[in-house]
């Protein structure tokens, strides 16, 4: 069975109208997806992949997909499965395209969408949800699909194999028995920066009644306003629930050091992306100034090498891998393996189009065959879930296990017809 065609669509949802997704930096988010469809000779096997953006520039990611098509069109699915790492290396290290990267920016976001679609294709071909397909692979076969380029000074293939094999000893023979797993989550729904006090209060009470125990809110607008908002949320959720804050890179290193001091009274579980996401030494300075606080980052980290440096340098406490910022499973799993080696908990970023659907698979892969850390937690933001055919399902404040074949990000045809930026009824 061969790949017959690849289509990239620019899908944008007008979420800025309701201030959804707003934070200190991104004040007018139109949640969007570079939406890739892989068509095969069999009409019953179609694969989907996406990367998340927030509006302008999404078209650039779509255009990048055109440069990738030649690497898989006309190839057998089994051939793509066998050679996926080779294909990944040809695209992410392309002798010309790498000049507008390398392994960062628009082309890398596009590569994430492209390879997310390929992993969807392969797991659907085997009639398994992606997490189960990965778990069922022999360790050597899995490692043959992962890129350790520029990483082997921190983790070797043998070390990676030992981590996976040691965890696989705990797995049941039939991995379908894991379908009842509930993966703990936290909600971001209560505290977008554009929300009024009344709306925050209403949402905090609603989510508390739904059983949520971990809450995250946005800060960075103004420190006095931030203090007010933290006080408001704490007054509703109480002192026994966990509260995290996210300033989305807005503060300088010195501001971060000062403002953390002012927010300590609210018992913050972690401070997410307090400053520039590339500033490894800056994060370290913040940690040195406040050894008792925890820092989280990764949402805007552009490749595995950045994660390697942050983790090895102990500049973060929580690794927030994003399923679309770096180029899919081939690059994500090595990062998870490094985090496991250094005993860093992984709490994936999942605010955006399709990210919750993706991270539910990453959570399970990490939990069952990679991590040695007891803390299991992931972000949940309900944004745009109504547009997906099989959205992530939350029960008792946690993710339920996806059981359908694939990587879970097919958008409803109705939503595509309405919100395709080039031809949809909403935008035209």
Protein backbone atom coordinates (compact mmCIF):
# COMPACT_ATOMS: atom_id res chain seq x y z
CA UNK A 1 0.00 0.00 0.00
CA UNK A 2 1.56 3.27 -1.18
CA UNK A 3 1.22 6.93 -0.24
CA UNK A 4 -0.71 8.61 -3.04
CA UNK A 5 -0.95 12.26 -2.01
CA UNK A 6 -0.29 14.77 0.79
CA UNK A 7 -2.42 17.83 1.45
CA UNK A 8 -1.64 20.68 3.88
CA UNK A 9 -4.47 22.96 5.04
CA UNK A 10 -4.38 26.22 6.97
CA UNK A 11 -7.08 25.82 9.65
CA UNK A 12 -7.74 28.79 11.96
CA UNK A 13 -10.29 29.15 14.74
CA UNK A 14 -11.29 32.70 15.84
CA UNK A 15 -10.52 32.15 19.53
CA UNK A 16 -9.29 35.75 19.94
CA UNK A 17 -12.94 36.84 20.05
CA UNK A 18 -13.26 35.25 23.52
CA UNK A 19 -9.72 35.99 24.75
CA UNK A 20 -9.04 32.24 24.80
CA UNK A 21 -5.35 31.43 25.11
CA UNK A 22 -4.35 34.96 26.04
CA UNK A 23 -1.22 35.49 28.06
CA UNK A 24 1.34 38.21 28.73
CA UNK A 25 2.86 37.94 25.25
CA UNK A 26 0.17 36.41 23.04
CA UNK A 27 -2.76 38.81 23.40
CA UNK A 28 -4.88 37.92 20.36
CA UNK A 29 -4.59 34.18 19.71
CA UNK A 30 -6.50 32.64 16.83
CA UNK A 31 -5.80 28.99 17.60
CA UNK A 32 -4.68 27.37 14.36
CA UNK A 33 -3.37 24.15 12.88
CA UNK A 34 -1.12 23.29 9.98
CA UNK A 35 -3.24 20.29 9.08
CA UNK A 36 -1.58 17.54 7.06
CA UNK A 37 -3.48 14.70 5.40
CA UNK A 38 -1.64 11.68 3.98
CA UNK A 39 -3.74 9.81 1.43
CA UNK A 40 -2.92 6.24 0.42
CA UNK A 41 -4.04 3.91 -2.37
CA UNK A 42 -6.55 2.52 0.12
CA UNK A 43 -9.37 4.98 0.78
CA UNK A 44 -9.82 3.38 4.21
CA UNK A 45 -6.33 4.42 5.30
CA UNK A 46 -5.88 8.16 5.60
CA UNK A 47 -3.52 9.72 8.14
CA UNK A 48 -3.62 13.09 9.87
CA UNK A 49 -0.93 15.23 11.49
CA UNK A 50 -0.81 18.81 12.68
CA UNK A 51 1.26 21.45 14.35
CA UNK A 52 -0.23 24.19 16.49
CA UNK A 53 0.15 27.90 15.77
CA UNK A 54 -1.86 30.97 16.80
CA UNK A 55 -2.73 32.59 13.47
CA UNK A 56 -0.39 34.54 11.19
CA UNK A 57 2.45 32.40 9.89
CA UNK A 58 0.40 29.23 9.81
CA UNK A 59 0.44 29.54 6.02
CA UNK A 60 4.25 29.45 6.09
CA UNK A 61 4.17 26.08 7.85
CA UNK A 62 1.73 24.79 5.25
CA UNK A 63 4.01 25.94 2.45
CA UNK A 64 6.94 24.09 4.04
CA UNK A 65 5.07 20.80 3.73
CA UNK A 66 5.38 21.11 -0.06
CA UNK A 67 9.14 20.63 0.29
CA UNK A 68 8.68 17.38 2.24
CA UNK A 69 6.24 15.53 -0.01
CA UNK A 70 8.85 14.00 -2.30
CA UNK A 71 10.30 11.94 0.55
CA UNK A 72 7.26 9.68 0.99
CA UNK A 73 4.88 9.99 -2.00
CA UNK A 74 4.89 6.70 -3.91
CA UNK A 75 6.48 4.76 -1.05
CA UNK A 76 4.96 1.74 0.65
CA UNK A 77 3.76 2.29 4.21
CA UNK A 78 6.00 -0.55 5.38
CA UNK A 79 8.97 1.10 3.68
CA UNK A 80 8.21 4.41 5.43
CA UNK A 81 7.92 2.61 8.76
CA UNK A 82 11.28 0.92 8.24
CA UNK A 83 13.07 4.08 7.07
CA UNK A 84 11.34 6.72 9.21
CA UNK A 85 14.55 7.86 10.90
CA UNK A 86 16.34 8.17 7.56
CA UNK A 87 13.43 10.26 6.23
CA UNK A 88 13.47 12.36 9.41
CA UNK A 89 17.19 13.06 9.02
CA UNK A 90 16.86 13.93 5.32
CA UNK A 91 14.16 16.50 6.10
CA UNK A 92 15.51 18.04 9.32
CA UNK A 93 19.08 18.15 7.97
CA UNK A 94 18.22 18.99 4.36
CA UNK A 95 21.29 20.60 2.77
CA UNK A 96 19.29 23.65 1.65
CA UNK A 97 16.29 23.85 3.97
CA UNK A 98 18.47 23.61 7.08
CA UNK A 99 19.69 27.13 6.31
CA UNK A 100 16.32 28.48 7.45
CA UNK A 101 16.59 26.32 10.58
CA UNK A 102 18.40 24.24 11.36
CA UNK A 103 15.96 22.24 13.45
CA UNK A 104 14.07 25.31 14.58
CA UNK A 105 11.48 27.78 13.37
CA UNK A 106 8.85 27.36 10.68
CA UNK A 107 10.43 24.38 8.93
CA UNK A 108 10.75 22.44 12.19
CA UNK A 109 7.13 23.14 13.13
CA UNK A 110 6.17 21.88 9.68
CA UNK A 111 8.34 18.80 10.18
CA UNK A 112 6.41 18.11 13.39
CA UNK A 113 3.10 18.18 11.52
CA UNK A 114 4.52 16.00 8.74
CA UNK A 115 5.98 13.34 11.03
CA UNK A 116 2.99 13.41 13.35
CA UNK A 117 1.00 12.42 10.27
CA UNK A 118 3.49 9.65 9.43
CA UNK A 119 3.26 8.20 12.95
CA UNK A 120 -0.52 8.35 12.65
CA UNK A 121 -0.24 6.49 9.34
CA UNK A 122 1.98 3.75 10.75
CA UNK A 123 -0.07 3.14 13.90
CA UNK A 124 -3.32 3.10 11.89
CA UNK A 125 -1.73 0.63 9.47
CA UNK A 126 -1.12 -1.65 12.47
CA UNK A 127 -4.62 -0.90 13.81
CA UNK A 128 -3.30 0.34 17.15
CA UNK A 129 -3.41 3.62 19.06
CA UNK A 130 0.00 5.22 18.79
CA UNK A 131 0.96 4.71 22.43
CA UNK A 132 0.26 0.98 22.14
CA UNK A 133 2.14 0.67 18.84
CA UNK A 134 5.22 2.20 20.52
CA UNK A 135 4.95 -0.02 23.59
CA UNK A 136 4.64 -3.15 21.43
CA UNK A 137 7.83 -2.44 19.46
CA UNK A 138 10.96 -4.32 20.40
CA UNK A 139 13.42 -1.98 22.10
CA UNK A 140 16.00 -2.10 19.30
CA UNK A 141 13.30 -1.52 16.70
CA UNK A 142 12.06 1.53 18.59
CA UNK A 143 15.55 2.97 19.07
CA UNK A 144 16.20 2.55 15.34
CA UNK A 145 13.42 5.10 14.75
CA UNK A 146 14.73 7.74 17.17
CA UNK A 147 17.29 10.47 16.57
CA UNK A 148 20.16 10.77 19.06
CA UNK A 149 21.96 13.30 16.87
CA UNK A 150 23.97 15.72 19.06
CA UNK A 151 22.66 13.94 22.17
CA UNK A 152 25.03 11.00 22.64
CA UNK A 153 27.31 13.02 24.91
CA UNK A 154 24.48 12.97 27.45
CA UNK A 155 22.66 9.72 26.72
CA UNK A 156 23.96 6.74 24.76
CA UNK A 157 21.88 4.23 22.87
CA UNK A 158 22.83 1.58 25.47
CA UNK A 159 21.63 3.82 28.31
CA UNK A 160 18.38 4.44 26.47
CA UNK A 161 17.92 0.71 25.90
CA UNK A 162 18.49 -0.02 29.60
CA UNK A 163 15.90 2.57 30.64
CA UNK A 164 13.29 1.14 28.27
CA UNK A 165 14.04 -2.52 29.02
CA UNK A 166 13.94 -2.00 32.79
CA UNK A 167 10.53 -0.38 32.48
CA UNK A 168 9.25 -2.98 30.01
CA UNK A 169 9.78 -5.68 32.66
CA UNK A 170 6.82 -4.15 34.51
CA UNK A 171 4.48 -4.26 31.51
CA UNK A 172 1.74 -6.89 31.15
CA UNK A 173 2.06 -9.23 28.18
CA UNK A 174 -1.12 -7.79 26.71
CA UNK A 175 -0.79 -3.99 26.63
CA UNK A 176 -4.50 -3.57 25.89
CA UNK A 177 -5.01 -4.23 29.60
CA UNK A 178 -3.63 -0.72 30.17
CA UNK A 179 -6.70 0.82 28.52
CA UNK A 180 -8.25 1.66 31.88
CA UNK A 181 -5.36 3.93 32.89
CA UNK A 182 -6.32 7.41 34.12
CA UNK A 183 -3.47 9.92 33.74
CA UNK A 184 -3.59 12.85 36.21
CA UNK A 185 -3.92 16.35 34.75
CA UNK A 186 -4.12 20.01 35.66
CA UNK A 187 -6.44 22.60 34.13
CA UNK A 188 -5.44 25.86 32.47
CA UNK A 189 -9.02 26.86 31.75
CA UNK A 190 -9.46 29.15 34.75
CA UNK A 191 -6.79 31.75 34.28
CA UNK A 192 -6.24 33.11 30.77
CA UNK A 193 -4.89 36.63 31.11
CA UNK A 194 -7.73 38.26 29.20
CA UNK A 195 -10.38 36.92 31.58
CA UNK A 196 -12.17 39.18 34.05
CA UNK A 197 -12.23 38.47 37.79
CA UNK A 198 -15.83 37.33 37.52
CA UNK A 199 -15.05 34.89 34.73
CA UNK A 200 -12.00 33.53 36.57
CA UNK A 201 -14.05 33.04 39.74
CA UNK A 202 -16.85 31.29 37.87
CA UNK A 203 -14.48 28.95 36.03
CA UNK A 204 -12.43 28.19 39.15
CA UNK A 205 -15.57 27.17 41.06
CA UNK A 206 -16.86 25.08 38.14
CA UNK A 207 -13.58 23.23 37.70
CA UNK A 208 -13.22 22.70 41.44
CA UNK A 209 -16.65 21.07 41.44
CA UNK A 210 -15.57 18.85 38.52
CA UNK A 211 -12.85 17.34 40.68
CA UNK A 212 -9.78 19.27 39.54
CA UNK A 213 -6.99 19.49 42.13
CA UNK A 214 -4.29 21.28 40.09
CA UNK A 215 -4.82 24.74 38.54
CA UNK A 216 -2.64 26.97 36.36
CA UNK A 217 -3.11 30.67 35.70
CA UNK A 218 -1.38 33.27 33.53
CA UNK A 219 0.61 36.14 35.02
CA UNK A 220 2.89 38.84 33.63
CA UNK A 221 0.43 41.63 32.96
CA UNK A 222 1.38 43.67 36.04
CA UNK A 223 2.82 42.27 39.26
CA UNK A 224 0.19 43.92 41.47
CA UNK A 225 -2.53 42.57 39.21
CA UNK A 226 -0.81 39.17 39.27
CA UNK A 227 -0.85 39.19 43.08
CA UNK A 228 -4.55 40.08 43.01
CA UNK A 229 -5.36 37.24 40.61
CA UNK A 230 -3.36 34.69 42.60
CA UNK A 231 -5.12 35.78 45.79
CA UNK A 232 -8.48 35.43 44.04
CA UNK A 233 -7.82 31.90 42.77
CA UNK A 234 -6.33 30.78 46.09
CA UNK A 235 -9.40 32.06 47.94
CA UNK A 236 -11.56 29.77 45.79
CA UNK A 237 -9.48 26.59 45.48
CA UNK A 238 -8.10 26.67 49.03
CA UNK A 239 -4.61 25.92 50.28
CA UNK A 240 -4.79 22.15 49.76
CA UNK A 241 -4.95 22.39 45.96
CA UNK A 242 -1.94 22.98 43.70
CA UNK A 243 -1.48 26.32 41.92
CA UNK A 244 0.97 27.00 39.08
CA UNK A 245 1.69 30.28 37.27
CA UNK A 246 2.86 30.95 33.72
CA UNK A 247 4.33 34.28 32.62
CA UNK A 248 5.01 33.17 29.02
CA UNK A 249 8.55 34.57 28.78
CA UNK A 250 7.63 38.22 29.54
CA UNK A 251 9.94 38.91 32.51
CA UNK A 252 13.66 39.59 32.46
CA UNK A 253 15.87 37.44 34.67
CA UNK A 254 16.06 40.18 37.32
CA UNK A 255 12.30 40.78 37.19
CA UNK A 256 11.70 37.06 37.60
CA UNK A 257 13.90 36.93 40.69
CA UNK A 258 12.04 39.93 42.16
CA UNK A 259 8.51 38.79 41.26
CA UNK A 260 8.96 35.22 42.47
CA UNK A 261 9.73 36.73 45.85
CA UNK A 262 6.40 38.58 45.78
CA UNK A 263 4.39 35.49 44.75
CA UNK A 264 5.86 33.00 47.22
CA UNK A 265 3.03 33.54 49.69
CA UNK A 266 0.70 31.70 47.30
CA UNK A 267 2.65 28.41 47.51
CA UNK A 268 3.26 28.10 43.77
CA UNK A 269 4.00 24.55 42.57
CA UNK A 270 6.04 25.84 39.62
CA UNK A 271 6.77 28.99 37.65
CA UNK A 272 6.44 28.30 33.94
CA UNK A 273 8.52 30.07 31.28
CA UNK A 274 9.34 33.07 33.48
CA UNK A 275 11.89 34.50 31.03
CA UNK A 276 13.33 33.99 27.54
CA UNK A 277 12.92 30.27 26.71
CA UNK A 278 16.47 30.00 25.29
CA UNK A 279 18.20 31.54 28.32
CA UNK A 280 19.75 28.49 29.96
CA UNK A 281 22.08 30.56 32.15
CA UNK A 282 19.24 32.95 33.05
CA UNK A 283 17.12 30.08 34.32
CA UNK A 284 20.09 28.89 36.34
CA UNK A 285 20.50 32.36 37.91
CA UNK A 286 16.82 32.31 38.91
CA UNK A 287 17.20 28.89 40.48
CA UNK A 288 20.32 30.01 42.36
CA UNK A 289 18.42 33.04 43.68
CA UNK A 290 15.44 30.93 44.73
CA UNK A 291 16.65 27.37 45.44
CA UNK A 292 13.30 26.53 47.02
CA UNK A 293 11.18 27.21 43.91
CA UNK A 294 10.53 25.03 40.88
CA UNK A 295 10.88 26.18 37.26
CA UNK A 296 9.13 24.63 34.28
CA UNK A 297 9.82 25.18 30.60
CA UNK A 298 9.79 23.50 27.20
CA UNK A 299 6.72 24.77 25.37
CA UNK A 300 8.88 27.06 23.19
CA UNK A 301 12.04 24.97 23.26
CA UNK A 302 12.91 24.39 19.64
CA UNK A 303 14.82 21.14 19.54
CA UNK A 304 16.19 18.26 21.56
CA UNK A 305 19.60 19.91 21.95
CA UNK A 306 18.03 22.78 23.91
CA UNK A 307 16.33 20.29 26.21
CA UNK A 308 19.63 18.46 26.64
CA UNK A 309 21.33 21.63 27.84
CA UNK A 310 18.55 22.73 30.18
CA UNK A 311 18.32 19.29 31.78
CA UNK A 312 22.06 18.64 32.07
CA UNK A 313 22.64 22.13 33.47
CA UNK A 314 19.80 21.67 35.99
CA UNK A 315 18.15 24.86 34.76
CA UNK A 316 14.64 23.39 34.95
CA UNK A 317 12.69 21.25 37.40
CA UNK A 318 9.85 20.17 35.10
CA UNK A 319 10.28 19.27 31.44
CA UNK A 320 7.34 20.59 29.42
CA UNK A 321 7.72 18.79 26.14
CA UNK A 322 5.45 20.01 23.35
CA UNK A 323 4.18 17.50 20.81
CA UNK A 324 4.45 19.96 17.91
CA UNK A 325 7.32 22.32 18.75
CA UNK A 326 9.97 19.68 18.07
CA UNK A 327 9.73 17.18 15.26
CA UNK A 328 7.48 14.42 16.56
CA UNK A 329 8.20 11.05 18.19
CA UNK A 330 11.65 10.73 16.59
CA UNK A 331 12.88 13.69 18.63
CA UNK A 332 10.48 13.67 21.59
CA UNK A 333 11.30 10.23 22.97
CA UNK A 334 15.06 10.94 23.21
CA UNK A 335 14.19 14.04 25.28
CA UNK A 336 11.99 11.93 27.54
CA UNK A 337 14.85 9.46 27.93
CA UNK A 338 17.25 12.24 28.93
CA UNK A 339 14.70 13.53 31.44
CA UNK A 340 14.40 10.01 32.84
CA UNK A 341 18.17 9.66 33.19
CA UNK A 342 18.37 12.92 35.16
CA UNK A 343 15.18 12.19 37.14
CA UNK A 344 13.34 15.24 35.79
CA UNK A 345 9.52 14.92 35.79
CA UNK A 346 7.82 15.44 32.42
CA UNK A 347 4.68 17.58 32.43
CA UNK A 348 3.77 18.09 28.74
CA UNK A 349 2.46 21.36 27.39
CA UNK A 350 -1.05 20.90 26.03
CA UNK A 351 -2.68 24.29 25.52
CA UNK A 352 -3.64 24.54 21.87
CA UNK A 353 -5.27 22.82 18.89
CA UNK A 354 -4.81 19.05 19.12
CA UNK A 355 -2.13 19.12 21.81
CA UNK A 356 -4.28 17.39 24.44
CA UNK A 357 -5.06 14.70 21.89
CA UNK A 358 -1.35 14.21 21.24
CA UNK A 359 0.00 14.35 24.79
CA UNK A 360 -2.35 11.66 26.02
CA UNK A 361 -0.24 9.26 23.94
CA UNK A 362 3.08 10.79 25.06
CA UNK A 363 1.98 10.57 28.70
CA UNK A 364 1.39 6.84 28.45
CA UNK A 365 4.59 6.11 26.53
CA UNK A 366 6.58 8.04 29.12
CA UNK A 367 4.79 6.50 32.08
CA UNK A 368 5.04 2.88 30.96
CA UNK A 369 8.45 2.52 29.29
CA UNK A 370 10.57 5.61 29.99
CA UNK A 371 10.20 7.57 33.21
CA UNK A 372 11.51 6.57 36.60
CA UNK A 373 9.85 9.53 38.28
CA UNK A 374 6.82 9.07 40.48
CA UNK A 375 5.21 12.38 39.47
CA UNK A 376 2.76 11.93 36.61
CA UNK A 377 0.90 15.05 35.54
CA UNK A 378 -0.09 16.73 32.30
CA UNK A 379 -1.76 19.93 31.18
CA UNK A 380 -5.34 19.95 29.95
CA UNK A 381 -6.90 22.88 28.13
CA UNK A 382 -10.26 22.15 26.57
CA UNK A 383 -9.72 24.67 23.76
CA UNK A 384 -11.18 23.66 20.39
CA UNK A 385 -11.88 20.08 21.53
CA UNK A 386 -15.36 20.38 20.03
CA UNK A 387 -13.80 20.34 16.56
CA UNK A 388 -12.20 16.90 16.92
CA UNK A 389 -13.82 13.61 16.00
CA UNK A 390 -12.28 11.84 18.98
CA UNK A 391 -11.14 14.46 21.50
CA UNK A 392 -9.25 13.61 24.66
CA UNK A 393 -11.66 12.50 27.37
CA UNK A 394 -11.21 13.70 30.94
CA UNK A 395 -12.54 11.73 33.90
CA UNK A 396 -12.00 12.48 37.59
CA UNK A 397 -9.44 15.18 36.77
CA UNK A 398 -7.35 13.00 34.47
CA UNK A 399 -6.92 11.77 30.91
CA UNK A 400 -8.56 8.49 29.94
CA UNK A 401 -6.61 6.16 27.67
CA UNK A 402 -7.21 6.57 23.91
CA UNK A 403 -8.14 3.21 22.39
CA UNK A 404 -8.79 3.98 18.70
CA UNK A 405 -6.02 3.42 16.12
CA UNK A 406 -3.75 6.36 15.34
CA UNK A 407 -2.65 9.62 16.94
CA UNK A 408 -6.14 11.05 17.63
CA UNK A 409 -6.15 14.43 15.85
CA UNK A 410 -8.69 14.18 13.03
CA UNK A 411 -10.73 17.38 12.83
CA UNK A 412 -14.40 17.13 11.86
CA UNK A 413 -15.10 17.72 8.17
CA UNK A 414 -17.71 20.31 9.15
CA UNK A 415 -15.12 22.32 11.09
CA UNK A 416 -12.62 22.18 8.22
CA UNK A 417 -15.23 23.47 5.76
CA UNK A 418 -16.00 26.34 8.09
CA UNK A 419 -12.53 27.32 9.33
CA UNK A 420 -10.14 26.55 6.45
CA UNK A 421 -8.44 29.93 6.13
CA UNK A 422 -8.35 29.81 2.35
CA UNK A 423 -11.77 28.42 1.53
CA UNK A 424 -13.80 28.14 4.75
CA UNK A 425 -17.17 29.86 5.15
CA UNK A 426 -16.13 31.71 8.31
CA UNK A 427 -13.12 33.49 6.79
CA UNK A 428 -14.56 34.17 3.33
